[in-house]
Protein backbone atom coordinates (compact mmCIF):
# COMPACT_ATOMS: atom_id res chain seq x y z
CA MET A 1 -19.26 17.23 -6.52
CA ARG A 2 -20.88 14.58 -4.34
CA PHE A 3 -22.77 15.08 -1.08
CA GLY A 4 -22.92 12.84 1.97
CA HIS A 5 -24.98 12.87 5.17
CA PHE A 6 -22.68 12.12 8.10
CA CYS A 7 -23.97 10.49 11.28
CA LEU A 8 -22.27 11.08 14.62
CA PRO A 9 -25.11 11.53 17.14
CA THR A 10 -24.40 13.69 20.18
CA TYR A 11 -27.19 12.86 22.58
CA PHE A 12 -28.57 15.44 25.03
CA ALA A 13 -31.52 14.20 27.06
CA ASP A 14 -33.00 17.66 27.67
CA VAL A 15 -33.55 18.16 23.93
CA ASP A 16 -33.43 14.72 22.35
CA GLY A 17 -35.82 12.84 24.61
CA PRO A 18 -35.64 9.08 25.23
CA VAL A 19 -32.63 7.43 23.62
CA ASP A 20 -34.64 4.85 21.72
CA ASP A 21 -36.91 7.50 20.18
CA PHE A 22 -33.90 9.65 19.32
CA PHE A 23 -32.12 6.78 17.62
CA ARG A 24 -35.11 5.71 15.53
CA ARG A 25 -35.67 9.36 14.54
CA PHE A 26 -32.05 9.56 13.42
CA VAL A 27 -32.44 6.49 11.22
CA GLU A 28 -35.49 8.00 9.51
CA PHE A 29 -33.56 11.26 9.08
CA LEU A 30 -30.76 9.42 7.28
CA VAL A 31 -33.15 7.44 5.08
CA GLU A 32 -34.83 10.66 3.91
CA SER A 33 -31.50 11.85 2.46
CA GLU A 34 -31.85 9.55 -0.52
CA SER A 35 -35.07 11.17 -1.73
CA LEU A 36 -33.50 14.61 -1.21
CA GLY A 37 -30.68 13.79 -3.61
CA PHE A 38 -27.75 13.03 -1.31
CA ASP A 39 -25.20 10.60 -2.72
CA SER A 40 -24.06 8.79 0.42
CA LEU A 41 -24.66 8.06 4.09
CA TRP A 42 -21.74 7.79 6.53
CA ALA A 43 -21.70 6.32 10.04
CA ASN A 44 -19.04 6.92 12.68
CA GLU A 45 -17.83 4.54 15.44
CA HIS A 46 -17.68 5.62 19.09
CA HIS A 47 -18.06 3.81 22.41
CA PHE A 48 -19.02 4.28 26.06
CA ASP A 49 -20.33 7.85 25.83
CA SER A 50 -23.25 9.99 24.70
CA TYR A 51 -20.80 11.51 22.20
CA GLY A 52 -21.40 9.10 19.32
CA GLY A 53 -21.76 6.03 21.54
CA ILE A 54 -25.21 5.26 20.17
CA ILE A 55 -23.36 3.84 17.15
CA PRO A 56 -20.70 1.44 18.45
CA SER A 57 -21.17 -0.55 15.22
CA PRO A 58 -21.40 1.57 12.05
CA LEU A 59 -21.78 -1.54 9.91
CA MET A 60 -24.89 -2.64 11.79
CA LEU A 61 -26.50 0.75 11.18
CA LEU A 62 -25.47 0.73 7.51
CA SER A 63 -26.91 -2.76 7.06
CA ALA A 64 -30.26 -1.45 8.28
CA LEU A 65 -30.00 1.52 5.93
CA ALA A 66 -29.18 -0.83 3.05
CA GLN A 67 -32.65 -2.33 3.41
CA ARG A 68 -34.34 1.09 3.45
CA THR A 69 -32.52 2.65 0.46
CA LYS A 70 -31.75 1.76 -3.14
CA ARG A 71 -29.23 4.26 -4.51
CA VAL A 72 -27.08 6.00 -1.89
CA ARG A 73 -23.60 4.80 -1.09
CA LEU A 74 -23.11 3.43 2.43
CA GLY A 75 -19.82 4.26 4.12
CA THR A 76 -18.02 4.00 7.43
CA SER A 77 -16.46 7.27 8.48
CA ILE A 78 -14.87 5.71 10.30
CA VAL A 79 -14.33 2.21 11.60
CA VAL A 80 -11.61 2.50 14.25
CA LEU A 81 -9.69 -0.35 12.67
CA PRO A 82 -7.05 -0.94 15.42
CA LEU A 83 -9.89 -1.86 17.81
CA HIS A 84 -11.01 -4.75 15.57
CA ASN A 85 -9.74 -7.91 13.97
CA PRO A 86 -9.34 -6.96 10.28
CA ILE A 87 -10.79 -10.28 9.10
CA GLU A 88 -14.00 -9.50 10.97
CA ILE A 89 -14.23 -6.10 9.26
CA ALA A 90 -13.45 -7.60 5.83
CA GLU A 91 -16.27 -10.12 6.27
CA GLN A 92 -18.82 -7.60 7.53
CA VAL A 93 -18.13 -4.99 4.85
CA ALA A 94 -18.35 -7.70 2.18
CA MET A 95 -21.74 -8.73 3.60
CA LEU A 96 -22.91 -5.10 3.49
CA ASP A 97 -21.69 -4.78 -0.09
CA VAL A 98 -23.62 -7.86 -1.20
CA MET A 99 -26.80 -6.90 0.67
CA SER A 100 -26.72 -3.38 -0.78
CA SER A 101 -25.96 -4.50 -4.36
CA GLY A 102 -22.48 -3.02 -4.33
CA ARG A 103 -22.86 0.25 -2.40
CA ALA A 104 -20.42 -0.21 0.50
CA GLU A 105 -17.42 2.04 1.18
CA LEU A 106 -14.88 1.44 3.95
CA GLY A 107 -13.35 4.40 5.74
CA VAL A 108 -10.86 3.60 8.50
CA GLY A 109 -8.79 5.52 11.00
CA ARG A 110 -7.21 5.18 14.41
CA GLY A 111 -9.68 7.54 16.12
CA PHE A 112 -8.81 10.02 18.87
CA VAL A 113 -10.47 8.65 22.01
CA ALA A 114 -7.85 7.08 24.28
CA TYR A 115 -10.58 5.89 26.65
CA ASP A 116 -11.90 3.45 24.02
CA TYR A 117 -8.46 1.88 23.61
CA ASP A 118 -7.97 1.72 27.37
CA ARG A 119 -11.30 0.00 28.07
CA LEU A 120 -11.01 -2.40 25.14
CA GLY A 121 -7.46 -3.35 26.11
CA VAL A 122 -5.74 -2.21 22.90
CA PRO A 123 -2.48 -0.20 23.10
CA ILE A 124 -3.01 3.23 21.52
CA GLU A 125 0.72 3.81 21.12
CA ASN A 126 0.96 1.50 18.08
CA ALA A 127 -2.49 2.25 16.68
CA GLN A 128 -1.33 3.70 13.35
CA ASP A 129 0.99 0.77 12.59
CA ARG A 130 -1.76 -1.67 13.60
CA LEU A 131 -4.13 0.15 11.25
CA LYS A 132 -1.75 -0.16 8.31
CA ASP A 133 -1.21 -3.86 8.94
CA GLY A 134 -4.96 -4.44 9.30
CA LEU A 135 -5.74 -2.62 6.06
CA ALA A 136 -3.20 -4.78 4.23
CA VAL A 137 -5.03 -7.85 5.55
CA ILE A 138 -8.40 -6.53 4.34
CA ARG A 139 -7.09 -5.91 0.86
CA LYS A 140 -5.71 -9.44 0.68
CA ALA A 141 -8.94 -10.88 2.11
CA TRP A 142 -10.85 -9.25 -0.76
CA SER A 143 -8.50 -10.60 -3.43
CA GLY A 144 -10.90 -13.41 -4.33
CA GLY A 145 -9.01 -16.48 -3.17
CA ARG A 146 -6.80 -17.90 -0.48
CA PHE A 147 -4.19 -15.60 0.95
CA SER A 148 -1.41 -15.53 3.51
CA HIS A 149 -0.18 -12.59 5.53
CA GLU A 150 2.83 -12.14 7.77
CA GLY A 151 2.74 -8.74 9.40
CA PRO A 152 3.83 -7.20 12.69
CA TYR A 153 0.35 -7.64 14.26
CA TYR A 154 -1.63 -10.09 12.13
CA ARG A 155 -0.63 -13.44 10.64
CA TYR A 156 -2.72 -15.76 8.49
CA ASP A 157 -1.86 -18.82 6.45
CA GLN A 158 -3.90 -19.86 3.43
CA LEU A 159 -7.12 -18.24 4.60
CA GLU A 160 -10.18 -17.71 2.38
CA VAL A 161 -12.79 -15.14 3.38
CA TRP A 162 -16.49 -15.48 2.60
CA PRO A 163 -18.41 -13.71 1.20
CA GLN A 164 -16.41 -11.66 -1.26
CA PRO A 165 -17.57 -8.08 -2.00
CA GLN A 166 -19.75 -7.51 -5.03
CA GLN A 167 -17.66 -4.51 -6.14
CA LYS A 168 -14.49 -5.36 -8.01
CA PRO A 169 -11.69 -5.28 -7.18
CA HIS A 170 -13.19 -4.20 -3.83
CA PRO A 171 -15.25 -1.43 -2.21
CA PRO A 172 -13.63 2.04 -2.18
CA LEU A 173 -11.19 2.57 0.69
CA TRP A 174 -10.77 5.81 2.65
CA LEU A 175 -8.38 6.96 5.38
CA SER A 176 -9.20 9.55 8.03
CA CYS A 177 -6.57 12.31 7.92
CA SER A 178 -6.49 15.50 9.98
CA GLY A 179 -3.13 17.18 10.51
CA THR A 180 -0.30 14.68 10.06
CA PRO A 181 1.53 15.11 6.72
CA ALA A 182 2.73 11.49 6.76
CA SER A 183 -0.87 10.25 6.83
CA PHE A 184 -1.82 12.32 3.78
CA GLU A 185 1.26 11.13 1.93
CA TRP A 186 0.67 7.48 2.85
CA ALA A 187 -2.98 7.67 1.74
CA GLY A 188 -1.93 9.05 -1.64
CA THR A 189 0.77 6.42 -2.08
CA GLN A 190 -1.67 3.65 -1.20
CA GLY A 191 -4.39 4.93 -3.51
CA LEU A 192 -6.87 5.66 -0.71
CA GLY A 193 -9.45 8.43 -0.56
CA ILE A 194 -9.04 10.79 2.37
CA LEU A 195 -11.63 11.90 4.93
CA THR A 196 -10.90 15.33 6.42
CA VAL A 197 -12.67 17.80 8.74
CA ALA A 198 -12.98 21.46 7.74
CA TYR A 199 -12.91 22.90 11.24
CA ARG A 200 -9.35 21.64 11.73
CA GLY A 201 -8.20 24.52 9.54
CA VAL A 202 -8.57 25.23 5.84
CA ASP A 203 -5.04 26.61 5.50
CA THR A 204 -3.65 23.37 6.86
CA LEU A 205 -5.87 21.24 4.64
CA GLU A 206 -4.98 23.27 1.56
CA ARG A 207 -1.32 22.39 2.13
CA LEU A 208 -1.86 18.76 3.16
CA ASN A 209 -4.33 17.98 0.38
CA LYS A 210 -1.58 19.05 -2.01
CA VAL A 211 0.78 16.60 -0.30
CA TYR A 212 -1.85 13.90 -0.83
CA ARG A 213 -2.38 14.69 -4.53
CA GLU A 214 1.34 14.78 -5.21
CA ALA A 215 1.83 11.40 -3.50
CA TRP A 216 -1.10 10.00 -5.50
CA ASN A 217 0.43 11.09 -8.78
CA ALA A 218 3.95 10.01 -7.82
CA ALA A 219 2.65 6.50 -7.07
CA GLY A 220 1.27 6.23 -10.61
CA HIS A 221 -2.41 6.04 -9.73
CA LYS A 222 -5.06 7.14 -12.22
CA PRO A 223 -4.59 10.88 -12.91
CA GLY A 224 -7.40 12.83 -11.31
CA GLY A 225 -8.73 9.71 -9.63
CA HIS A 226 -7.98 10.88 -6.09
CA GLU A 227 -10.86 11.47 -3.65
CA ILE A 228 -10.96 14.15 -0.94
CA SER A 229 -13.99 14.29 1.33
CA VAL A 230 -14.36 17.26 3.69
CA HIS A 231 -16.72 17.16 6.66
CA TYR A 232 -18.80 20.19 7.67
CA HIS A 233 -21.11 20.94 10.56
CA VAL A 234 -24.08 22.60 8.85
CA VAL A 235 -26.77 25.00 10.03
CA ILE A 236 -28.84 26.60 7.26
CA ALA A 237 -31.76 28.98 7.75
CA GLU A 238 -33.52 31.72 5.77
CA ASP A 239 -32.16 34.23 8.30
CA ALA A 240 -28.39 34.32 8.82
CA ASN A 241 -28.59 35.61 12.38
CA GLU A 242 -30.91 32.77 13.37
CA ALA A 243 -28.54 30.22 11.83
CA LYS A 244 -25.62 31.70 13.77
CA ALA A 245 -27.55 31.69 17.03
CA ILE A 246 -28.46 28.01 16.60
CA ALA A 247 -24.91 27.10 15.62
CA ARG A 248 -23.33 29.03 18.48
CA GLU A 249 -25.17 27.01 21.11
CA ALA A 250 -24.86 23.69 19.23
CA VAL A 251 -21.12 24.05 18.70
CA ARG A 252 -20.63 24.97 22.35
CA ARG A 253 -22.37 21.79 23.46
CA TYR A 254 -20.67 19.69 20.78
CA VAL A 255 -17.20 20.91 21.80
CA GLY A 256 -18.03 20.17 25.43
CA ALA A 257 -19.03 16.62 24.53
CA THR A 258 -15.88 16.13 22.47
CA THR A 259 -13.65 17.44 25.24
CA HIS A 260 -15.31 15.10 27.74
CA THR A 261 -14.38 12.07 25.66
CA THR A 262 -10.70 13.05 25.60
CA GLU A 263 -10.45 13.94 29.30
CA ARG A 264 -11.26 10.52 30.73
CA VAL A 265 -7.93 8.90 29.83
CA ARG A 266 -4.82 10.87 28.92
CA SER A 267 -1.85 8.69 28.13
CA ASP A 268 1.56 10.29 27.63
CA ALA A 269 1.35 9.52 23.93
CA GLU A 270 -1.92 11.45 23.68
CA ARG A 271 -1.05 14.56 25.71
CA GLU A 272 0.38 16.56 22.82
CA GLY A 273 -2.45 15.55 20.47
CA ASN A 274 -5.06 16.41 23.09
CA ALA A 275 -3.47 19.81 23.67
CA VAL A 276 -3.82 20.56 19.97
CA ARG A 277 -7.45 19.38 20.01
CA ASP A 278 -8.17 21.56 23.04
CA ARG A 279 -6.81 24.60 21.21
CA VAL A 280 -8.87 23.78 18.12
CA ALA A 281 -11.94 23.34 20.33
CA GLN A 282 -11.55 26.87 21.71
CA GLU A 283 -11.15 28.30 18.22
CA VAL A 284 -14.32 26.53 17.05
CA LEU A 285 -16.34 28.47 19.64
CA ASP A 286 -15.75 31.72 17.70
CA ILE A 287 -18.57 31.15 15.23
CA ASP A 288 -18.03 34.31 13.16
CA LYS A 289 -14.33 33.53 12.73
CA MET A 290 -15.05 29.91 11.86
CA ILE A 291 -17.49 30.94 9.15
CA ALA A 292 -15.13 33.60 7.78
CA THR A 293 -12.32 31.04 7.48
CA TYR A 294 -14.54 28.41 5.77
CA ARG A 295 -14.47 26.00 8.73
CA LEU A 296 -18.19 25.94 9.56
CA LEU A 297 -21.11 25.99 7.12
CA VAL A 298 -23.59 28.36 8.78
CA GLY A 299 -25.91 30.93 7.24
CA THR A 300 -28.43 31.33 4.43
CA PRO A 301 -28.39 29.09 1.34
CA ASP A 302 -26.77 31.89 -0.69
CA GLU A 303 -24.05 32.29 1.92
CA ALA A 304 -23.49 28.53 2.02
CA VAL A 305 -23.04 28.40 -1.76
CA ALA A 306 -20.51 31.22 -1.71
CA LEU A 307 -18.59 29.66 1.19
CA LEU A 308 -18.38 26.22 -0.41
CA LYS A 309 -17.26 27.61 -3.75
CA ARG A 310 -14.38 29.43 -2.09
CA ALA A 311 -13.54 26.48 0.18
CA HIS A 312 -13.44 24.23 -2.88
CA GLU A 313 -10.97 26.56 -4.57
CA LEU A 314 -8.71 26.29 -1.54
CA MET A 315 -9.02 22.61 -0.62
CA GLY A 316 -9.90 20.90 -3.90
CA PHE A 317 -12.32 18.44 -2.32
CA THR A 318 -14.46 16.07 -4.36
CA GLN A 319 -17.11 15.34 -1.71
CA ILE A 320 -18.83 17.23 1.11
CA ASP A 321 -20.10 15.29 4.14
CA CYS A 322 -22.62 17.17 6.27
CA THR A 323 -23.63 16.83 9.90
CA PHE A 324 -26.99 18.51 10.53
CA TYR A 325 -28.19 16.94 13.79
CA PHE A 326 -25.63 17.68 16.52
CA GLY A 327 -25.02 19.54 19.75
CA GLY A 328 -28.61 19.58 20.96
CA ILE A 329 -30.06 21.10 17.79
CA THR A 330 -33.75 20.24 17.70
CA PHE A 331 -34.92 17.76 15.10
CA GLU A 332 -37.04 20.45 13.44
CA GLN A 333 -34.02 22.74 13.09
CA ALA A 334 -31.83 19.93 11.76
CA GLN A 335 -34.48 18.88 9.26
CA ARG A 336 -34.87 22.46 8.03
CA SER A 337 -31.11 22.71 7.41
CA HIS A 338 -31.21 19.32 5.70
CA HIS A 339 -34.00 20.36 3.33
CA LEU A 340 -32.62 23.83 2.57
CA PHE A 341 -29.17 22.42 1.85
CA ALA A 342 -30.59 19.78 -0.51
CA ARG A 343 -32.96 22.15 -2.31
CA ASP A 344 -31.04 25.44 -2.43
CA VAL A 345 -27.35 24.59 -2.09
CA MET A 346 -26.55 21.20 -3.65
CA PRO A 347 -27.91 21.92 -7.16
CA ARG A 348 -25.87 25.12 -7.38
CA ILE A 349 -22.49 23.50 -6.73
CA ARG A 350 -22.97 20.05 -8.29
CA HIS A 351 -20.88 21.15 -11.25
CA LEU A 352 -17.74 21.83 -9.20
């Protein structure tokens, strides 16, 4: 089992103070993860909002972290690939890989914020097809020589990308998957790792992760070589009731921030997806139910160990990515969860 520290800052001025101080504090918080034994750091792309908008460029943040760390893997979870030229991403990830001595990982997805697509002038209706075409370009760009590509969205003739990644054949590739069976199947067929979110529903992920593994095996990839990363919001304390009280308020504010980002632009293509997200958001507010169904990681270290063991039996994940600093949680509370998880939880489930 591997453990990642996931970074999607939700900024609340009443708790977090000046933005510049908050951001620098977050960087130090991520850097500390290496000495605590975490295996990876993950940065998420958002724009134009206090919900994640402090990191419009995950690769810029990861480049800074590359200079402050020596061992941890450095991943994007995610780059919203349809919003970018894939050549640009191929170049930047290759730079990160070289600067970090081969520690870069590229996670991509189409994202869920229609407002970003609207303001950046990119049609959201064809985002998934644009993503697939862009990922094909990146793979060719990292092939080590000149390449050509003739796709529905991107076309290149005899192009050579510099630099090339240090990792061979290329840095690990991940796809963000939540509830669409076709995405899980495509990821398995393509040999990609998948990035999932526990609060979407463990029953759903149990079924869809099986779809992914079956597609992986059917495509002839290395047996057992699949990668499933599950993301958890984490609040750990010595007292379970205190952890629940902190989580209850943090999740309420986090859900409010998430809902705000989806309300600003609602295209016809997004209405059904947003309705599903709104329903999930209401379910997340029932903290006790979310804990009981393995969708939030809240409680004492002993309770966290028991929850993750059972969740692993159901979902079969190979990596856990944790968000500690979210929803207006104070830095001191986030740091306590961070330390307790590293000291009293990680060593007890490493063997899974």
